[in-house]
Amino acid sequence: MGKLGESVVGEGLVHFDGLAGVGELVNVGGHGGVSGQRSLESGHGEHRTDVGRERRSHVITTAVIPAAGLGTRMLPATKVVPKELLPIDERPALQLIVDEAVGAGVDHLVIITSRSKPAIEQYFASDPMVEASLERQGRGSAADQLRRFGNDIRVSFAYQDRPEGLGHAIGCARAVVGEEPFFVMLPDELMSNSSLLIGLARVVEATGIGAVALKRMPRTELSRYGIVAPVGEERTVSDLMVFPFVGVVEKPAVDDAPSDLAIIGRYALTPDIFDDLDALTPGTTGELQLTDALAAQAKRRPLWGVISEVGRIDIGNTLGWRQAVLEAAVDDPEHGAAFRRWLSARIAGLA
């Protein structure tokens, strides 16, 4: 397998700072899977978004969000709407991921997408007509949220046009990320706040070693996750309790799981992970797995696992998506009280 970076992936670079957009095609790397190059006439590519001035400053300011998946578990809706844009109340799920990243100090978002999902890029494009419509409806806060895109935060796009695994997707971001540590945020998992990302960044800043978010899982669920092999005792790093680990097993059989500590969808990685991604060969599924690259790193020196204490919902399945929608509805400041009354009556009617 060729080294990451030998395949060309298109990224349009368009700045919305009062100047005319300037497009260029750059090689942002990838393990392969690119069929042609997107025209830069579309006006999509890199945008900026204003997220307010009170941004937290951390060693990690880039987040990679893999969003090229086919969303087969959410068909037929995802035949036309990317699963990342399915609504959680009035906001698409991807916006919730963006908000979490921004709350942790991120000022550069790298979205790994597919040319078959142009709506993801379109979401970040400026649309004054939509903003004006929201203003007329008295929904100024929603309009302000959309106006973020176009000012302070870079949003770059790289392409994964074939489903070749999470490791391949992250590898597509190499040239855009550069030589700095970065977050990986899986958009199927919603977190209740940014504190988990902030904690992961603190561990990387203190040690210079990658860190992943962990959660203890029931034995019956271990085969759904990457499971770490911890070494030694839990310890404190930067006022956080962490586990060092020396191995990762992807979706093991229950009896083969090295622990009950599962990796959930938040990572803070060092740039040398890209060399380990370069060295991967496809597994039995034909895909390149991020967990295999983490395992290679952990063999050289233990990585850190941070136990998550934040609220989490997996929206990669229809049950989790319904739960997230329900939670958003009951907490809605405008309609939550009425919705709770309706829900209580509806449940009582089922008794």
Foldseek 3Di string as FASTA:
>chain_A
DFFWQPDAWFAFAFAQPVDGGDGDGDRQTFPDADDDYDDNVPVFGKWAFADDDPFDDFQAAEEEEEQADQLVQPPPVSVQARQQQDDQANGGLVVLVVQLSRNLRHQEYEYEHAPVHCVVRVQLDDDVVVLVVCVVVVNNVVSSRNRRTRDGGIYGYTYRHDPFEPLRSVSSRLNVVDQGKYKYAYSLKGWPHNVVVNVQRQQCVQPVFKEFEKEQDPLVCQLQFKAFQFDDDFDDGPNATKTWTQAIDHRDRSVPHNHRIGTDGMITHGSCLSVLSRPDAADPVNHRYSRSSQNVVSNVPTGIYGYDDTDMFRNSHPVSSVVSSVVCCCPPPPRNVVVVVVVVVVVVVVD
